[in-house]
Amino acid sequence: MSVETVLGPIASSKLGKVLTHEHFSIKYDRFNIKAPEVVKSYLDQPISMGNLGFVRQYPYSCPYNVTFNDEDSNVAVMKDVSLFKQFGGGTIVENSCHGLHRDLKLLKKVSLETGVNVIVGTGFYVKYAQSDSTLKMKTEEIHDLIYQEINSGCVDDNTIKCGFIGEVGSSWPISDFEKRVIVATAQVQAALKCPVTFHPDRNPKAPFEIIRIFLEAGGKVDKTVMSHLDRTLHKNEDLLEFAGLKTYCQFDLFGNECSFYQLAPEQDMPSDGQRINKVMALIEEGRGDRILLSHDIHTKHRLVSFGGHGYAHILNNVVPKMKIRGISQEMIDNILMENPKRWLEMPN
């Protein structure tokens, strides 16, 4: 069984430890949120030791911080991926699909220079990230683009094939465009047996509704990931009910801890300790083979060069805590290596 990377197909046995939901470069204007007047002056400037504390609490109110496609962030990402390799990492799944302005040239450069396998996705992010012309695309047109990028090459660089569909985004309620993307995703997956990952809205009903539409269109849950469950399904009973659908359950905001969650102010951002609690709840229910972990880095302040935790945070800081909490090395290896491998591999 093989996996498609930006440098071509490799045997799935060569993936090593995998981060299943990261970004190297994105452009998404809706991340710019008005800053509280009392701290605004600290956020209207580049990141420094003098304002890092404010940026950590209001990351989406610092224009420099959310600019994640400039030369400063590119250099920092390169350094950070190198550190991930140094600390034992093997593969990063880059989730910047259409609407988030993926940078295939950067992804290829990072993989070549660091030795880390990089896997790029196709498909479409939420409706708010799309142009008017994209929002008018028919299901058949969406299907054909996704199929092409998995089967023969990307529209912006046909020397690179996508290794999965994602992150397929939806808002709440799910828009007509987003429903068409989910249906087209299911149709392509049914034909090519490829991996899929979904980005749900923060409403706890969203993951269930996405999977309902997906299944009705012919999608298969055994190759499907639901992202961001750590900020979506806060109650264990909801998480365990969703796990019964047998998708991969992804906790991908490790390292993201703040007192005020700007993207959903009515909700609390969980701590890494609380994320581990969710992981343990699934393990205790016999769902350890359906767990994936990542960081979803998409702002400068979470990179090491800007005072952040970096792509190696799970390896260096979370894994030791998991061991202290009693999670076995065998289970950790399953979560970081075997589960991603099983999700990502496709028939030769």
Protein backbone atom coordinates (compact mmCIF):
# COMPACT_ATOMS: atom_id res chain seq x y z
CA MET A 1 0.00 0.00 0.00
CA SER A 2 1.28 3.49 -0.85
CA VAL A 3 0.76 7.11 0.16
CA GLU A 4 0.98 10.07 -2.23
CA THR A 5 3.35 12.85 -1.08
CA VAL A 6 4.33 16.09 -2.80
CA LEU A 7 7.50 14.31 -3.96
CA GLY A 8 5.62 11.28 -5.26
CA PRO A 9 4.29 7.99 -3.87
CA ILE A 10 6.01 6.21 -0.99
CA ALA A 11 5.29 2.99 0.86
CA SER A 12 2.95 3.60 3.79
CA SER A 13 5.48 1.84 6.03
CA LYS A 14 7.82 4.84 5.59
CA LEU A 15 5.54 7.47 7.13
CA GLY A 16 6.89 7.29 10.69
CA LYS A 17 5.24 9.55 13.26
CA VAL A 18 2.52 11.60 11.58
CA LEU A 19 0.82 14.93 12.24
CA THR A 20 -2.52 14.62 10.44
CA HIS A 21 -3.73 18.24 10.45
CA GLU A 22 -1.30 21.12 9.95
CA HIS A 23 -0.78 24.14 7.69
CA PHE A 24 2.42 25.62 6.23
CA SER A 25 0.78 28.55 4.44
CA ILE A 26 -2.76 29.91 4.33
CA LYS A 27 -4.62 33.08 3.47
CA TYR A 28 -8.04 33.51 5.09
CA ASP A 29 -9.30 37.05 5.70
CA ARG A 30 -11.98 36.05 8.22
CA PHE A 31 -9.25 35.37 10.78
CA ASN A 32 -8.90 39.15 11.21
CA ILE A 33 -11.01 39.99 14.28
CA LYS A 34 -11.28 43.48 15.75
CA ALA A 35 -9.09 43.85 18.81
CA PRO A 36 -10.37 45.12 22.16
CA GLU A 37 -9.48 48.82 22.27
CA VAL A 38 -7.52 48.46 25.50
CA VAL A 39 -4.92 46.12 23.92
CA LYS A 40 -5.15 47.19 20.26
CA SER A 41 -1.89 49.14 20.28
CA TYR A 42 0.01 46.00 21.33
CA LEU A 43 -1.44 44.00 18.44
CA ASP A 44 -0.89 46.45 15.59
CA GLN A 45 2.79 45.54 15.35
CA PRO A 46 5.04 42.52 14.64
CA ILE A 47 5.43 39.87 17.35
CA SER A 48 8.06 40.58 20.01
CA MET A 49 8.69 39.77 23.65
CA GLY A 50 6.92 43.04 24.44
CA ASN A 51 3.57 41.96 22.98
CA LEU A 52 3.71 38.14 22.79
CA GLY A 53 1.45 37.73 25.82
CA PHE A 54 -1.24 39.87 24.19
CA VAL A 55 -0.90 38.00 20.87
CA ARG A 56 -1.35 34.67 22.65
CA GLN A 57 -4.67 35.84 24.11
CA TYR A 58 -5.91 37.68 21.00
CA PRO A 59 -4.13 35.89 18.13
CA TYR A 60 -6.70 36.80 15.47
CA SER A 61 -6.49 40.52 16.24
CA CYS A 62 -2.83 40.85 15.26
CA PRO A 63 -2.61 41.34 11.47
CA TYR A 64 1.04 40.30 11.40
CA ASN A 65 0.24 37.10 13.30
CA VAL A 66 -2.55 35.95 10.95
CA THR A 67 -0.47 36.69 7.86
CA PHE A 68 0.66 33.12 7.40
CA ASN A 69 1.85 33.25 3.81
CA ASP A 70 4.69 35.81 3.90
CA GLU A 71 8.43 35.26 3.84
CA ASP A 72 8.72 35.51 7.64
CA SER A 73 6.25 32.68 8.19
CA ASN A 74 7.78 30.60 5.35
CA VAL A 75 11.23 30.78 6.97
CA ALA A 76 9.77 29.96 10.39
CA VAL A 77 7.83 26.97 9.03
CA MET A 78 10.98 25.59 7.42
CA LYS A 79 12.84 25.81 10.74
CA ASP A 80 9.93 24.28 12.62
CA VAL A 81 9.55 21.31 10.28
CA SER A 82 13.29 20.70 10.61
CA LEU A 83 12.84 20.59 14.39
CA PHE A 84 9.94 18.16 13.97
CA LYS A 85 12.30 15.90 11.99
CA GLN A 86 15.05 16.31 14.61
CA PHE A 87 12.71 15.22 17.41
CA GLY A 88 11.54 12.09 15.63
CA GLY A 89 8.78 13.22 13.26
CA GLY A 90 8.29 11.63 9.86
CA THR A 91 5.25 13.00 8.02
CA ILE A 92 3.01 16.08 8.04
CA VAL A 93 -0.42 16.20 6.38
CA GLU A 94 -0.96 19.77 5.09
CA ASN A 95 -4.66 20.66 5.03
CA SER A 96 -4.68 23.90 2.99
CA CYS A 97 -7.09 23.12 0.15
CA HIS A 98 -8.99 25.42 -2.23
CA GLY A 99 -10.09 28.58 -0.46
CA LEU A 100 -7.07 28.65 1.84
CA HIS A 101 -4.58 29.39 -0.98
CA ARG A 102 -2.26 26.40 -0.61
CA ASP A 103 1.35 26.94 -1.66
CA LEU A 104 2.52 23.82 -3.49
CA LYS A 105 5.94 25.29 -4.24
CA LEU A 106 6.55 25.87 -0.52
CA LEU A 107 5.32 22.38 0.43
CA LYS A 108 7.68 20.77 -2.05
CA LYS A 109 10.61 22.92 -0.88
CA VAL A 110 9.95 22.09 2.79
CA SER A 111 9.85 18.37 2.08
CA LEU A 112 13.02 18.45 -0.05
CA GLU A 113 15.03 20.47 2.47
CA THR A 114 13.88 18.79 5.70
CA GLY A 115 13.36 15.17 4.68
CA VAL A 116 9.86 15.18 6.17
CA ASN A 117 7.14 13.59 4.04
CA VAL A 118 4.49 16.19 3.16
CA ILE A 119 1.02 15.25 1.94
CA VAL A 120 -1.24 17.88 0.35
CA GLY A 121 -5.04 17.92 0.18
CA THR A 122 -7.64 18.83 -2.42
CA GLY A 123 -11.29 19.85 -2.04
CA PHE A 124 -12.84 23.05 -0.74
CA TYR A 125 -12.82 24.88 2.59
CA VAL A 126 -15.91 26.72 3.98
CA LYS A 127 -18.11 28.90 1.79
CA TYR A 128 -16.72 32.11 3.33
CA ALA A 129 -13.30 31.33 1.84
CA GLN A 130 -14.56 30.91 -1.73
CA SER A 131 -14.95 33.26 -4.69
CA ASP A 132 -18.35 33.92 -6.21
CA SER A 133 -17.48 31.79 -9.23
CA THR A 134 -16.45 28.85 -7.02
CA LEU A 135 -19.71 29.06 -5.05
CA LYS A 136 -21.60 28.59 -8.33
CA MET A 137 -19.81 25.31 -9.18
CA LYS A 138 -22.06 22.31 -9.74
CA THR A 139 -21.52 19.01 -7.94
CA GLU A 140 -20.16 17.49 -11.16
CA GLU A 141 -17.59 20.28 -11.56
CA ILE A 142 -16.47 19.95 -7.95
CA HIS A 143 -16.22 16.17 -8.38
CA ASP A 144 -14.11 16.48 -11.53
CA LEU A 145 -11.61 18.88 -9.97
CA ILE A 146 -11.15 16.75 -6.86
CA TYR A 147 -10.87 13.57 -8.92
CA GLN A 148 -8.25 15.14 -11.18
CA GLU A 149 -6.11 16.34 -8.29
CA ILE A 150 -6.09 12.91 -6.65
CA ASN A 151 -5.80 10.86 -9.82
CA SER A 152 -3.59 12.84 -12.21
CA GLY A 153 -2.26 16.07 -10.70
CA CYS A 154 -3.09 19.45 -9.17
CA VAL A 155 -4.60 22.19 -11.32
CA ASP A 156 -1.81 24.56 -10.24
CA ASP A 157 1.04 22.00 -10.59
CA ASN A 158 0.29 18.75 -12.40
CA THR A 159 3.57 17.22 -11.21
CA ILE A 160 2.05 16.93 -7.71
CA LYS A 161 -0.87 14.65 -6.82
CA CYS A 162 -2.97 15.16 -3.71
CA GLY A 163 -2.86 12.40 -1.13
CA PHE A 164 -6.26 13.04 0.44
CA ILE A 165 -9.41 15.19 0.20
CA GLY A 166 -9.48 17.91 2.82
CA GLU A 167 -9.91 19.78 4.85
CA VAL A 168 -13.47 19.82 3.50
CA GLY A 169 -15.04 22.71 5.39
CA SER A 170 -18.59 23.56 6.36
CA SER A 171 -20.34 26.25 8.37
CA TRP A 172 -23.61 25.98 10.30
CA PRO A 173 -26.19 25.54 9.01
CA ILE A 174 -24.35 23.75 6.22
CA SER A 175 -24.72 25.81 3.03
CA ASP A 176 -25.83 24.44 -0.34
CA PHE A 177 -22.31 24.85 -1.72
CA GLU A 178 -20.82 22.97 1.23
CA LYS A 179 -23.36 20.16 0.80
CA ARG A 180 -22.37 19.85 -2.86
CA VAL A 181 -18.72 19.58 -1.83
CA ILE A 182 -19.52 16.85 0.71
CA VAL A 183 -21.48 14.90 -1.91
CA ALA A 184 -18.72 15.27 -4.52
CA THR A 185 -16.15 14.21 -1.92
CA ALA A 186 -18.12 11.05 -1.18
CA GLN A 187 -18.40 10.23 -4.89
CA VAL A 188 -14.65 10.61 -5.48
CA GLN A 189 -13.81 8.64 -2.35
CA ALA A 190 -16.09 5.81 -3.42
CA ALA A 191 -14.30 5.63 -6.77
CA LEU A 192 -10.68 6.05 -5.65
CA LYS A 193 -10.78 4.69 -2.06
CA CYS A 194 -8.89 7.81 -0.93
CA PRO A 195 -8.64 9.39 2.56
CA VAL A 196 -10.93 12.30 3.53
CA THR A 197 -10.88 14.83 6.36
CA PHE A 198 -13.71 17.19 7.36
CA HIS A 199 -13.71 20.56 9.14
CA PRO A 200 -17.00 20.93 11.06
CA ASP A 201 -18.56 24.09 12.45
CA ARG A 202 -18.39 24.49 16.24
CA ASN A 203 -22.03 23.47 16.69
CA PRO A 204 -22.03 19.96 18.24
CA LYS A 205 -24.62 18.84 15.68
CA ALA A 206 -22.26 19.63 12.79
CA PRO A 207 -20.07 16.45 12.79
CA PHE A 208 -23.15 14.23 12.82
CA GLU A 209 -24.82 16.13 9.96
CA ILE A 210 -21.68 16.06 7.81
CA ILE A 211 -21.39 12.30 8.15
CA ARG A 212 -25.10 11.82 7.42
CA ILE A 213 -24.80 13.71 4.10
CA PHE A 214 -21.53 11.94 3.32
CA LEU A 215 -22.89 8.44 3.94
CA GLU A 216 -26.04 9.08 1.93
CA ALA A 217 -23.82 10.10 -1.01
CA GLY A 218 -21.83 6.86 -0.81
CA GLY A 219 -18.89 7.86 1.39
CA LYS A 220 -17.07 5.35 3.60
CA VAL A 221 -16.33 6.18 7.24
CA ASP A 222 -13.33 3.86 7.54
CA LYS A 223 -11.22 6.31 5.45
CA THR A 224 -12.70 9.46 6.96
CA VAL A 225 -11.49 11.88 9.65
CA MET A 226 -13.57 14.37 11.63
CA SER A 227 -11.29 17.23 12.66
CA HIS A 228 -11.42 19.65 15.59
CA LEU A 229 -13.45 17.45 17.93
CA ASP A 230 -11.61 18.97 20.90
CA ARG A 231 -13.40 22.31 20.28
CA THR A 232 -16.67 20.84 18.98
CA LEU A 233 -17.83 17.92 21.15
CA HIS A 234 -17.19 19.04 24.72
CA LYS A 235 -19.37 16.44 26.42
CA ASN A 236 -18.03 12.89 26.65
CA GLU A 237 -21.43 11.43 25.88
CA ASP A 238 -21.52 13.38 22.57
CA LEU A 239 -17.99 12.30 21.73
CA LEU A 240 -18.67 8.64 22.46
CA GLU A 241 -21.91 8.75 20.47
CA PHE A 242 -20.06 10.22 17.51
CA ALA A 243 -17.25 7.67 17.86
CA GLY A 244 -19.90 5.01 17.31
CA LEU A 245 -20.09 6.15 13.68
CA LYS A 246 -16.52 4.74 13.36
CA THR A 247 -14.81 7.67 11.65
CA TYR A 248 -11.36 8.68 12.84
CA CYS A 249 -11.75 11.13 15.73
CA GLN A 250 -9.14 13.87 15.53
CA PHE A 251 -7.94 16.10 18.35
CA ASP A 252 -5.88 18.62 16.44
CA LEU A 253 -5.57 21.77 18.54
CA PHE A 254 -2.83 20.55 20.88
CA GLY A 255 -0.78 23.49 22.11
CA ASN A 256 -3.65 25.94 21.59
CA GLU A 257 -4.57 27.13 25.08
CA CYS A 258 -6.03 30.57 25.82
CA SER A 259 -8.46 32.18 28.26
CA PHE A 260 -10.65 33.76 25.57
CA TYR A 261 -11.41 31.78 22.41
CA GLN A 262 -11.89 34.50 19.82
CA LEU A 263 -13.48 32.28 17.14
CA ALA A 264 -16.22 31.16 19.56
CA PRO A 265 -16.30 33.49 22.60
CA GLU A 266 -19.17 31.59 24.24
CA GLN A 267 -17.01 28.44 24.39
CA ASP A 268 -13.94 27.58 26.43
CA MET A 269 -10.81 26.43 24.62
CA PRO A 270 -9.83 23.11 26.26
CA SER A 271 -6.36 22.59 27.68
CA ASP A 272 -4.00 19.86 26.52
CA GLY A 273 -4.82 17.98 29.72
CA GLN A 274 -8.50 18.03 28.83
CA ARG A 275 -7.68 16.84 25.32
CA ILE A 276 -5.80 13.89 26.79
CA ASN A 277 -8.88 13.15 28.92
CA LYS A 278 -10.91 12.86 25.70
CA VAL A 279 -8.30 10.57 24.18
CA MET A 280 -8.40 8.37 27.27
CA ALA A 281 -12.20 8.23 27.18
CA LEU A 282 -12.07 6.85 23.64
CA ILE A 283 -9.34 4.36 24.55
CA GLU A 284 -11.41 3.10 27.48
CA GLU A 285 -14.33 2.56 25.07
CA GLY A 286 -12.14 0.47 22.77
CA ARG A 287 -11.78 3.22 20.17
CA GLY A 288 -7.99 3.61 20.35
CA ASP A 289 -7.68 2.55 16.71
CA ARG A 290 -9.70 5.60 15.58
CA ILE A 291 -7.75 8.43 17.27
CA LEU A 292 -5.53 11.00 15.48
CA LEU A 293 -3.58 13.93 16.98
CA SER A 294 -2.24 17.21 15.59
CA HIS A 295 -1.85 20.98 16.25
CA ASP A 296 -3.60 22.80 13.34
CA ILE A 297 -0.88 25.49 13.32
CA HIS A 298 -2.02 28.40 11.13
CA THR A 299 -0.71 31.54 12.84
CA LYS A 300 2.85 32.74 13.46
CA HIS A 301 2.68 32.81 17.26
CA ARG A 302 2.45 29.02 17.47
CA LEU A 303 5.78 28.54 15.65
CA VAL A 304 9.02 28.26 17.63
CA SER A 305 10.57 31.30 15.91
CA PHE A 306 7.78 33.47 17.31
CA GLY A 307 7.72 32.04 20.84
CA GLY A 308 5.33 29.15 20.15
CA HIS A 309 5.27 25.41 20.77
CA GLY A 310 5.92 24.31 17.17
CA TYR A 311 5.15 21.15 15.21
CA ALA A 312 7.14 18.99 17.66
CA HIS A 313 4.94 19.90 20.66
CA ILE A 314 3.03 16.61 20.68
CA LEU A 315 6.25 14.58 20.48
CA ASN A 316 8.13 16.60 23.10
CA ASN A 317 5.42 17.64 25.55
CA VAL A 318 2.15 15.76 25.03
CA VAL A 319 3.50 12.22 24.68
CA PRO A 320 5.34 12.37 28.06
CA LYS A 321 2.10 13.54 29.68
CA MET A 322 0.17 10.70 28.02
CA LYS A 323 2.65 8.22 29.52
CA ILE A 324 2.28 9.78 32.97
CA ARG A 325 -1.49 9.38 32.61
CA GLY A 326 -1.01 5.66 31.97
CA ILE A 327 -1.35 5.43 28.18
CA SER A 328 0.97 2.68 26.97
CA GLN A 329 3.79 3.17 24.49
CA GLU A 330 2.08 0.66 22.23
CA MET A 331 -1.11 2.74 22.19
CA ILE A 332 0.85 5.96 21.60
CA ASP A 333 2.63 4.34 18.64
CA ASN A 334 -0.73 3.20 17.28
CA ILE A 335 -2.13 6.73 17.53
CA LEU A 336 0.90 8.48 16.00
CA MET A 337 1.89 5.88 13.39
CA GLU A 338 -0.49 3.00 12.75
CA ASN A 339 -3.77 4.95 12.71
CA PRO A 340 -2.47 7.64 10.29
CA LYS A 341 -0.89 4.98 8.10
CA ARG A 342 -4.16 3.04 7.85
CA TRP A 343 -6.09 6.25 7.08
CA LEU A 344 -3.68 7.58 4.44
CA GLU A 345 -2.75 4.51 2.44
CA MET A 346 -4.38 3.87 -0.92
CA PRO A 347 -4.31 0.85 -3.23
CA ASN A 348 -1.32 0.83 -5.63
